[in-house]
Amino acid sequence: MKLEDAKFLLEELKSDECACGNYKKPGNSFCYNCYTSLPNDHQKPLYKRFGNGYEEAYEEATKWLKAWEWD
C-alpha cells in the first residue's frame, strides 16, 4: 500500500464524516446507516488492525456501499 493511501485511510478513520457525507463517530469506519447496511461478511473484517487487513476490508466495504447504497 502506498503511503498516500495509508494516510488517507487514517484520516478517514479519525474523521467525523462518513464517505457518504453523514456524521460518524471518529474511530468508526462508517456511519451507523452505512455500517448496518453492509452484509455481515463485510462488517467483521473492519475490526482488523490497520496494517493487518483493515485496508482491504475498508476498500471492499466501500465498493459494496457504492454499488448497493450510494448509487
Protein backbone atom coordinates (compact mmCIF):
# COMPACT_ATOMS: atom_id res chain seq x y z
CA MET A 1 0.00 0.00 0.00
CA LYS A 2 1.23 3.44 -0.89
CA LEU A 3 1.99 5.91 1.87
CA GLU A 4 -0.62 8.33 0.48
CA ASP A 5 -3.28 5.61 0.65
CA ALA A 6 -2.39 4.76 4.24
CA LYS A 7 -2.55 8.43 5.23
CA PHE A 8 -5.94 8.78 3.53
CA LEU A 9 -7.34 5.77 5.39
CA LEU A 10 -6.04 7.01 8.74
CA GLU A 11 -7.62 10.42 8.14
CA GLU A 12 -10.90 8.75 7.15
CA LEU A 13 -10.83 6.68 10.33
CA LYS A 14 -10.13 9.72 12.51
CA SER A 15 -12.68 11.98 10.82
CA ASP A 16 -16.28 12.54 11.87
CA GLU A 17 -17.61 12.33 8.31
CA CYS A 18 -18.58 9.08 6.64
CA ALA A 19 -17.71 8.51 3.00
CA CYS A 20 -21.43 9.04 2.26
CA GLY A 21 -21.27 12.51 3.80
CA ASN A 22 -23.16 11.77 7.02
CA TYR A 23 -21.80 12.09 10.56
CA LYS A 24 -19.88 9.14 12.00
CA LYS A 25 -18.03 8.68 15.25
CA PRO A 26 -14.29 9.20 14.89
CA GLY A 27 -12.65 5.78 15.05
CA ASN A 28 -15.53 4.12 13.20
CA SER A 29 -15.14 3.28 9.55
CA PHE A 30 -18.65 4.35 8.53
CA CYS A 31 -21.79 5.97 9.89
CA TYR A 32 -24.37 3.75 11.56
CA ASN A 33 -26.59 3.53 8.46
CA CYS A 34 -23.77 2.56 6.12
CA TYR A 35 -22.26 0.08 8.57
CA THR A 36 -25.54 -1.68 9.32
CA SER A 37 -26.41 -1.91 5.63
CA LEU A 38 -23.21 -3.88 4.97
CA PRO A 39 -23.53 -7.67 4.91
CA ASN A 40 -22.01 -9.39 7.92
CA ASP A 41 -19.07 -10.67 5.85
CA HIS A 42 -18.14 -7.03 5.13
CA GLN A 43 -18.70 -5.79 8.70
CA LYS A 44 -16.47 -8.21 10.61
CA PRO A 45 -13.24 -7.55 8.65
CA LEU A 46 -13.50 -3.84 9.52
CA TYR A 47 -12.34 -4.80 13.02
CA LYS A 48 -8.99 -5.98 11.71
CA ARG A 49 -5.97 -3.93 12.72
CA PHE A 50 -4.58 -1.27 10.47
CA GLY A 51 -1.77 -2.93 8.54
CA ASN A 52 -3.27 -6.40 9.07
CA GLY A 53 -6.17 -6.41 6.67
CA TYR A 54 -8.15 -3.31 7.63
CA GLU A 55 -7.20 -1.51 4.45
CA GLU A 56 -8.54 -4.27 2.24
CA ALA A 57 -11.69 -4.60 4.36
CA TYR A 58 -12.38 -0.86 4.08
CA GLU A 59 -11.88 -0.95 0.32
CA GLU A 60 -14.21 -3.92 -0.11
CA ALA A 61 -16.88 -2.37 2.12
CA THR A 62 -16.65 0.92 0.23
CA LYS A 63 -17.01 -0.87 -3.10
CA TRP A 64 -20.09 -2.70 -1.81
CA LEU A 65 -21.66 0.50 -0.50
CA LYS A 66 -21.00 2.33 -3.76
CA ALA A 67 -22.62 -0.47 -5.75
CA TRP A 68 -25.64 -1.03 -3.49
CA GLU A 69 -26.32 2.05 -1.38
CA TRP A 70 -24.74 5.22 -2.73
CA ASP A 71 -25.82 4.94 -6.35
